[in-house]
PDB file of all heavy atoms in Angstrom:
ATOM      1  N   HIS A   1     -14.024 -11.529   2.913  1.00  0.00           N
ATOM      2  CA  HIS A   1     -14.462 -12.522   1.934  1.00  0.00           C
ATOM      3  C   HIS A   1     -14.352 -11.985   0.513  1.00  0.00           C
ATOM      4  O   HIS A   1     -14.048 -12.738  -0.422  1.00  0.00           O
ATOM      5  CB  HIS A   1     -15.888 -12.974   2.238  1.00  0.00           C
ATOM      6  CG  HIS A   1     -15.991 -13.812   3.466  1.00  0.00           C
ATOM      7  ND1 HIS A   1     -15.411 -15.055   3.570  1.00  0.00           N
ATOM      8  CD2 HIS A   1     -16.588 -13.575   4.666  1.00  0.00           C
ATOM      9  CE1 HIS A   1     -15.658 -15.562   4.767  1.00  0.00           C
ATOM     10  NE2 HIS A   1     -16.362 -14.679   5.452  1.00  0.00           N
ATOM     11  N   ALA A   2     -14.620 -10.700   0.323  1.00  0.00           N
ATOM     12  CA  ALA A   2     -14.475 -10.110  -1.007  1.00  0.00           C
ATOM     13  C   ALA A   2     -13.039 -10.229  -1.492  1.00  0.00           C
ATOM     14  O   ALA A   2     -12.766 -10.678  -2.616  1.00  0.00           O
ATOM     15  CB  ALA A   2     -14.915  -8.645  -0.981  1.00  0.00           C
ATOM     16  N   ILE A   3     -12.090  -9.835  -0.640  1.00  0.00           N
ATOM     17  CA  ILE A   3     -10.679  -9.845  -1.027  1.00  0.00           C
ATOM     18  C   ILE A   3     -10.160 -11.268  -1.201  1.00  0.00           C
ATOM     19  O   ILE A   3      -9.438 -11.576  -2.154  1.00  0.00           O
ATOM     20  CB  ILE A   3      -9.846  -9.061   0.009  1.00  0.00           C
ATOM     21  CG1 ILE A   3     -10.180  -7.563  -0.094  1.00  0.00           C
ATOM     22  CG2 ILE A   3      -8.351  -9.291  -0.196  1.00  0.00           C
ATOM     23  CD1 ILE A   3      -9.562  -6.702   0.993  1.00  0.00           C
ATOM     24  N   THR A   4     -10.544 -12.179  -0.298  1.00  0.00           N
ATOM     25  CA  THR A   4     -10.072 -13.562  -0.407  1.00  0.00           C
ATOM     26  C   THR A   4     -10.635 -14.242  -1.639  1.00  0.00           C
ATOM     27  O   THR A   4      -9.953 -15.045  -2.296  1.00  0.00           O
ATOM     28  CB  THR A   4     -10.455 -14.347   0.862  1.00  0.00           C
ATOM     29  OG1 THR A   4     -10.014 -13.636   2.013  1.00  0.00           O
ATOM     30  CG2 THR A   4      -9.812 -15.730   0.850  1.00  0.00           C
ATOM     31  N   SER A   5     -11.875 -13.926  -1.993  1.00  0.00           N
ATOM     32  CA  SER A   5     -12.492 -14.526  -3.168  1.00  0.00           C
ATOM     33  C   SER A   5     -11.786 -14.117  -4.455  1.00  0.00           C
ATOM     34  O   SER A   5     -11.489 -14.970  -5.309  1.00  0.00           O
ATOM     35  CB  SER A   5     -13.971 -14.139  -3.231  1.00  0.00           C
ATOM     36  OG  SER A   5     -14.596 -14.724  -4.353  1.00  0.00           O
ATOM     37  N   VAL A   6     -11.517 -12.820  -4.615  1.00  0.00           N
ATOM     38  CA  VAL A   6     -10.836 -12.409  -5.845  1.00  0.00           C
ATOM     39  C   VAL A   6      -9.414 -12.956  -5.889  1.00  0.00           C
ATOM     40  O   VAL A   6      -8.893 -13.286  -6.963  1.00  0.00           O
ATOM     41  CB  VAL A   6     -10.833 -10.871  -6.025  1.00  0.00           C
ATOM     42  CG1 VAL A   6     -12.248 -10.361  -6.217  1.00  0.00           C
ATOM     43  CG2 VAL A   6     -10.148 -10.151  -4.885  1.00  0.00           C
ATOM     44  N   ARG A   7      -8.782 -13.109  -4.731  1.00  0.00           N
ATOM     45  CA  ARG A   7      -7.443 -13.715  -4.703  1.00  0.00           C
ATOM     46  C   ARG A   7      -7.497 -15.162  -5.183  1.00  0.00           C
ATOM     47  O   ARG A   7      -6.576 -15.638  -5.853  1.00  0.00           O
ATOM     48  CB  ARG A   7      -6.866 -13.651  -3.281  1.00  0.00           C
ATOM     49  CG  ARG A   7      -6.391 -12.266  -2.858  1.00  0.00           C
ATOM     50  CD  ARG A   7      -5.893 -12.268  -1.416  1.00  0.00           C
ATOM     51  NE  ARG A   7      -5.371 -10.958  -1.038  1.00  0.00           N
ATOM     52  CZ  ARG A   7      -4.998 -10.629   0.199  1.00  0.00           C
ATOM     53  NH1 ARG A   7      -5.091 -11.525   1.178  1.00  0.00           N
ATOM     54  NH2 ARG A   7      -4.530  -9.420   0.466  1.00  0.00           N
ATOM     55  N   ALA A   8      -8.559 -15.884  -4.813  1.00  0.00           N
ATOM     56  CA  ALA A   8      -8.683 -17.286  -5.239  1.00  0.00           C
ATOM     57  C   ALA A   8      -8.788 -17.388  -6.752  1.00  0.00           C
ATOM     58  O   ALA A   8      -8.136 -18.236  -7.383  1.00  0.00           O
ATOM     59  CB  ALA A   8      -9.903 -17.927  -4.569  1.00  0.00           C
ATOM     60  N   VAL A   9      -9.611 -16.546  -7.360  1.00  0.00           N
ATOM     61  CA  VAL A   9      -9.776 -16.582  -8.813  1.00  0.00           C
ATOM     62  C   VAL A   9      -8.495 -16.118  -9.503  1.00  0.00           C
ATOM     63  O   VAL A   9      -8.072 -16.693 -10.518  1.00  0.00           O
ATOM     64  CB  VAL A   9     -10.983 -15.728  -9.241  1.00  0.00           C
ATOM     65  CG1 VAL A   9     -11.135 -15.735 -10.755  1.00  0.00           C
ATOM     66  CG2 VAL A   9     -12.263 -16.250  -8.588  1.00  0.00           C
ATOM     67  N   GLU A  10      -7.863 -15.086  -8.967  1.00  0.00           N
ATOM     68  CA  GLU A  10      -6.597 -14.609  -9.542  1.00  0.00           C
ATOM     69  C   GLU A  10      -5.525 -15.683  -9.482  1.00  0.00           C
ATOM     70  O   GLU A  10      -4.739 -15.855 -10.418  1.00  0.00           O
ATOM     71  CB  GLU A  10      -6.132 -13.355  -8.785  1.00  0.00           C
ATOM     72  CG  GLU A  10      -6.992 -12.133  -9.077  1.00  0.00           C
ATOM     73  CD  GLU A  10      -6.866 -11.034  -8.032  1.00  0.00           C
ATOM     74  OE1 GLU A  10      -6.157 -11.247  -7.013  1.00  0.00           O
ATOM     75  OE2 GLU A  10      -7.485  -9.975  -8.202  1.00  0.00           O
ATOM     76  N   ASN A  11      -5.506 -16.444  -8.391  1.00  0.00           N
ATOM     77  CA  ASN A  11      -4.548 -17.538  -8.259  1.00  0.00           C
ATOM     78  C   ASN A  11      -4.815 -18.622  -9.291  1.00  0.00           C
ATOM     79  O   ASN A  11      -3.885 -19.170  -9.903  1.00  0.00           O
ATOM     80  CB  ASN A  11      -4.615 -18.099  -6.843  1.00  0.00           C
ATOM     81  CG  ASN A  11      -3.733 -19.316  -6.634  1.00  0.00           C
ATOM     82  OD1 ASN A  11      -4.217 -20.442  -6.602  1.00  0.00           O
ATOM     83  ND2 ASN A  11      -2.435 -19.096  -6.498  1.00  0.00           N
ATOM     84  N   ALA A  12      -6.097 -18.925  -9.531  1.00  0.00           N
ATOM     85  CA  ALA A  12      -6.448 -19.934 -10.534  1.00  0.00           C
ATOM     86  C   ALA A  12      -6.002 -19.518 -11.923  1.00  0.00           C
ATOM     87  O   ALA A  12      -5.590 -20.354 -12.742  1.00  0.00           O
ATOM     88  CB  ALA A  12      -7.961 -20.175 -10.525  1.00  0.00           C
ATOM     89  N   LEU A  13      -6.056 -18.211 -12.213  1.00  0.00           N
ATOM     90  CA  LEU A  13      -5.699 -17.698 -13.531  1.00  0.00           C
ATOM     91  C   LEU A  13      -4.223 -17.317 -13.640  1.00  0.00           C
ATOM     92  O   LEU A  13      -3.769 -16.923 -14.720  1.00  0.00           O
ATOM     93  CB  LEU A  13      -6.559 -16.473 -13.858  1.00  0.00           C
ATOM     94  CG  LEU A  13      -8.077 -16.696 -13.865  1.00  0.00           C
ATOM     95  CD1 LEU A  13      -8.802 -15.388 -14.176  1.00  0.00           C
ATOM     96  CD2 LEU A  13      -8.456 -17.768 -14.872  1.00  0.00           C
ATOM     97  N   GLY A  14      -3.491 -17.411 -12.529  1.00  0.00           N
ATOM     98  CA  GLY A  14      -2.073 -17.028 -12.538  1.00  0.00           C
ATOM     99  C   GLY A  14      -1.878 -15.547 -12.801  1.00  0.00           C
ATOM    100  O   GLY A  14      -0.907 -15.149 -13.459  1.00  0.00           O
ATOM    101  N   MET A  15      -2.779 -14.715 -12.295  1.00  0.00           N
ATOM    102  CA  MET A  15      -2.769 -13.290 -12.594  1.00  0.00           C
ATOM    103  C   MET A  15      -1.833 -12.496 -11.699  1.00  0.00           C
ATOM    104  O   MET A  15      -1.574 -12.859 -10.556  1.00  0.00           O
ATOM    105  CB  MET A  15      -4.181 -12.703 -12.427  1.00  0.00           C
ATOM    106  CG  MET A  15      -5.184 -13.138 -13.459  1.00  0.00           C
ATOM    107  SD  MET A  15      -6.709 -12.174 -13.260  1.00  0.00           S
ATOM    108  CE  MET A  15      -6.113 -10.529 -13.717  1.00  0.00           C
ATOM    109  N   GLU A  16      -1.366 -11.390 -12.235  1.00  0.00           N
ATOM    110  CA  GLU A  16      -0.705 -10.362 -11.433  1.00  0.00           C
ATOM    111  C   GLU A  16      -1.694  -9.236 -11.158  1.00  0.00           C
ATOM    112  O   GLU A  16      -2.611  -8.984 -11.944  1.00  0.00           O
ATOM    113  CB  GLU A  16       0.529  -9.815 -12.152  1.00  0.00           C
ATOM    114  CG  GLU A  16       1.654 -10.820 -12.274  1.00  0.00           C
ATOM    115  CD  GLU A  16       2.975 -10.182 -12.717  1.00  0.00           C
ATOM    116  OE1 GLU A  16       3.161  -8.970 -12.429  1.00  0.00           O
ATOM    117  OE2 GLU A  16       3.792 -10.879 -13.327  1.00  0.00           O
ATOM    118  N   VAL A  17      -1.506  -8.567 -10.027  1.00  0.00           N
ATOM    119  CA  VAL A  17      -2.391  -7.482  -9.594  1.00  0.00           C
ATOM    120  C   VAL A  17      -1.554  -6.220  -9.429  1.00  0.00           C
ATOM    121  O   VAL A  17      -0.505  -6.267  -8.781  1.00  0.00           O
ATOM    122  CB  VAL A  17      -3.082  -7.846  -8.254  1.00  0.00           C
ATOM    123  CG1 VAL A  17      -3.952  -6.697  -7.752  1.00  0.00           C
ATOM    124  CG2 VAL A  17      -3.900  -9.109  -8.413  1.00  0.00           C
ATOM    125  N   PRO A  18      -1.964  -5.099 -10.011  1.00  0.00           N
ATOM    126  CA  PRO A  18      -1.185  -3.865  -9.871  1.00  0.00           C
ATOM    127  C   PRO A  18      -0.899  -3.529  -8.402  1.00  0.00           C
ATOM    128  O   PRO A  18      -1.743  -3.759  -7.523  1.00  0.00           O
ATOM    129  CB  PRO A  18      -2.085  -2.805 -10.516  1.00  0.00           C
ATOM    130  CG  PRO A  18      -2.906  -3.570 -11.506  1.00  0.00           C
ATOM    131  CD  PRO A  18      -3.157  -4.896 -10.861  1.00  0.00           C
ATOM    132  N   VAL A  19       0.289  -2.977  -8.160  1.00  0.00           N
ATOM    133  CA  VAL A  19       0.700  -2.666  -6.795  1.00  0.00           C
ATOM    134  C   VAL A  19      -0.272  -1.705  -6.123  1.00  0.00           C
ATOM    135  O   VAL A  19      -0.590  -1.848  -4.937  1.00  0.00           O
ATOM    136  CB  VAL A  19       2.136  -2.093  -6.788  1.00  0.00           C
ATOM    137  CG1 VAL A  19       2.505  -1.572  -5.403  1.00  0.00           C
ATOM    138  CG2 VAL A  19       3.131  -3.164  -7.228  1.00  0.00           C
ATOM    139  N   ASN A  20      -0.761  -0.712  -6.868  1.00  0.00           N
ATOM    140  CA  ASN A  20      -1.740   0.208  -6.270  1.00  0.00           C
ATOM    141  C   ASN A  20      -2.966  -0.539  -5.766  1.00  0.00           C
ATOM    142  O   ASN A  20      -3.504  -0.221  -4.700  1.00  0.00           O
ATOM    143  CB  ASN A  20      -2.178   1.260  -7.296  1.00  0.00           C
ATOM    144  CG  ASN A  20      -1.144   2.323  -7.533  1.00  0.00           C
ATOM    145  OD1 ASN A  20      -0.395   2.691  -6.622  1.00  0.00           O
ATOM    146  ND2 ASN A  20      -1.070   2.832  -8.757  1.00  0.00           N
ATOM    147  N   ALA A  21      -3.424  -1.518  -6.535  1.00  0.00           N
ATOM    148  CA  ALA A  21      -4.594  -2.299  -6.124  1.00  0.00           C
ATOM    149  C   ALA A  21      -4.301  -3.097  -4.864  1.00  0.00           C
ATOM    150  O   ALA A  21      -5.140  -3.195  -3.954  1.00  0.00           O
ATOM    151  CB  ALA A  21      -5.034  -3.220  -7.255  1.00  0.00           C
ATOM    152  N   GLN A  22      -3.098  -3.681  -4.808  1.00  0.00           N
ATOM    153  CA  GLN A  22      -2.713  -4.418  -3.603  1.00  0.00           C
ATOM    154  C   GLN A  22      -2.735  -3.499  -2.386  1.00  0.00           C
ATOM    155  O   GLN A  22      -3.258  -3.865  -1.316  1.00  0.00           O
ATOM    156  CB  GLN A  22      -1.298  -5.010  -3.767  1.00  0.00           C
ATOM    157  CG  GLN A  22      -1.142  -6.004  -4.899  1.00  0.00           C
ATOM    158  CD  GLN A  22      -1.635  -7.409  -4.565  1.00  0.00           C
ATOM    159  OE1 GLN A  22      -2.675  -7.559  -3.921  1.00  0.00           O
ATOM    160  NE2 GLN A  22      -0.924  -8.426  -5.019  1.00  0.00           N
ATOM    161  N   LEU A  23      -2.185  -2.300  -2.532  1.00  0.00           N
ATOM    162  CA  LEU A  23      -2.088  -1.378  -1.401  1.00  0.00           C
ATOM    163  C   LEU A  23      -3.471  -0.863  -0.985  1.00  0.00           C
ATOM    164  O   LEU A  23      -3.746  -0.708   0.206  1.00  0.00           O
ATOM    165  CB  LEU A  23      -1.161  -0.218  -1.753  1.00  0.00           C
ATOM    166  CG  LEU A  23       0.304  -0.611  -1.990  1.00  0.00           C
ATOM    167  CD1 LEU A  23       1.105   0.579  -2.517  1.00  0.00           C
ATOM    168  CD2 LEU A  23       0.937  -1.142  -0.706  1.00  0.00           C
ATOM    169  N   ILE A  24      -4.338  -0.593  -1.950  1.00  0.00           N
ATOM    170  CA  ILE A  24      -5.698  -0.152  -1.619  1.00  0.00           C
ATOM    171  C   ILE A  24      -6.444  -1.258  -0.878  1.00  0.00           C
ATOM    172  O   ILE A  24      -7.116  -1.016   0.128  1.00  0.00           O
ATOM    173  CB  ILE A  24      -6.453   0.271  -2.893  1.00  0.00           C
ATOM    174  CG1 ILE A  24      -5.879   1.583  -3.429  1.00  0.00           C
ATOM    175  CG2 ILE A  24      -7.948   0.421  -2.623  1.00  0.00           C
ATOM    176  CD1 ILE A  24      -6.393   1.977  -4.800  1.00  0.00           C
ATOM    177  N   ARG A  25      -6.311  -2.486  -1.361  1.00  0.00           N
ATOM    178  CA  ARG A  25      -6.922  -3.617  -0.650  1.00  0.00           C
ATOM    179  C   ARG A  25      -6.354  -3.729   0.761  1.00  0.00           C
ATOM    180  O   ARG A  25      -7.086  -3.980   1.727  1.00  0.00           O
ATOM    181  CB  ARG A  25      -6.669  -4.923  -1.405  1.00  0.00           C
ATOM    182  CG  ARG A  25      -7.381  -5.073  -2.738  1.00  0.00           C
ATOM    183  CD  ARG A  25      -6.984  -6.405  -3.364  1.00  0.00           C
ATOM    184  NE  ARG A  25      -7.537  -6.602  -4.690  1.00  0.00           N
ATOM    185  CZ  ARG A  25      -7.322  -7.685  -5.430  1.00  0.00           C
ATOM    186  NH1 ARG A  25      -6.550  -8.669  -4.956  1.00  0.00           N
ATOM    187  NH2 ARG A  25      -7.846  -7.807  -6.641  1.00  0.00           N
TER     188      ARG A  25
END
């Protein structure tokens, strides 16, 4: 739920996420 929630907000803002962050998640 933590990861899905931040993805929802990032999608709303059209954000990019650093690759390291993606891999850690």
